[in-house]
Amino acid sequence: MSIRWSRTPYDQDILPDFTRAASAELQVGSDDDNEAIRGKLAERKRRKARAQEEARLAEEARLEAERQEQARLEEERVRAEAEAQRVEAARKAEEARKAEESRRADALVGSSAGAGSNVEVMDPRCLRCARTNTTCLRSTDSKKRRLACNRCNELKERCRWPVEEEG
């Protein structure tokens, strides 16, 4: 018989038997069996307590992980600040060194050339000035460029430069 010809909207033979589908855990046996009911209630309480304990442990683990992450981030921030301070101190020391060298060069130019208009400070110092750690000064009156600095001229020697120019 087809569904269309049936009086019911579905065939009665197809319906599942729900009495067999119920699990043995759900079947108490009888409503008067108080011991079975108490056992089920106790089991339910144990499961609930276990679930709450697992949730509490998971929350504690999450909080501990967050605390460790915060500590790591704080440590990174402190390291970055220390590095920035170190770099800033090195930069300031370099600026102070350059300012002191410039001041000494200006003092040398002023004392050796009077007005200082015809003396310039050589930026790449010759090897002798670099070795003695003095400022390399050159007179600009000469037409020959970078031939000799004033110190080497006084010593009557030729300047040696770190890189010889070809030409």
Foldseek 3Di string as FASTA:
>chain_A
DDCVPDPDNDDPVPDDDVVVVDDPLPDQPDPPPVVSVVVVVVVVVVVVVVVVVVVVVVVVVVVVVVVVVVVVVVVVVVVVVVVVVVVVVVVVVVVVVVVVLVVVVVVVLCVPPPVNPQKDWDPQAFPVCVVVVHTFIQGNPDPDPPFGTPVCVVVVHTTHGPDDDDD
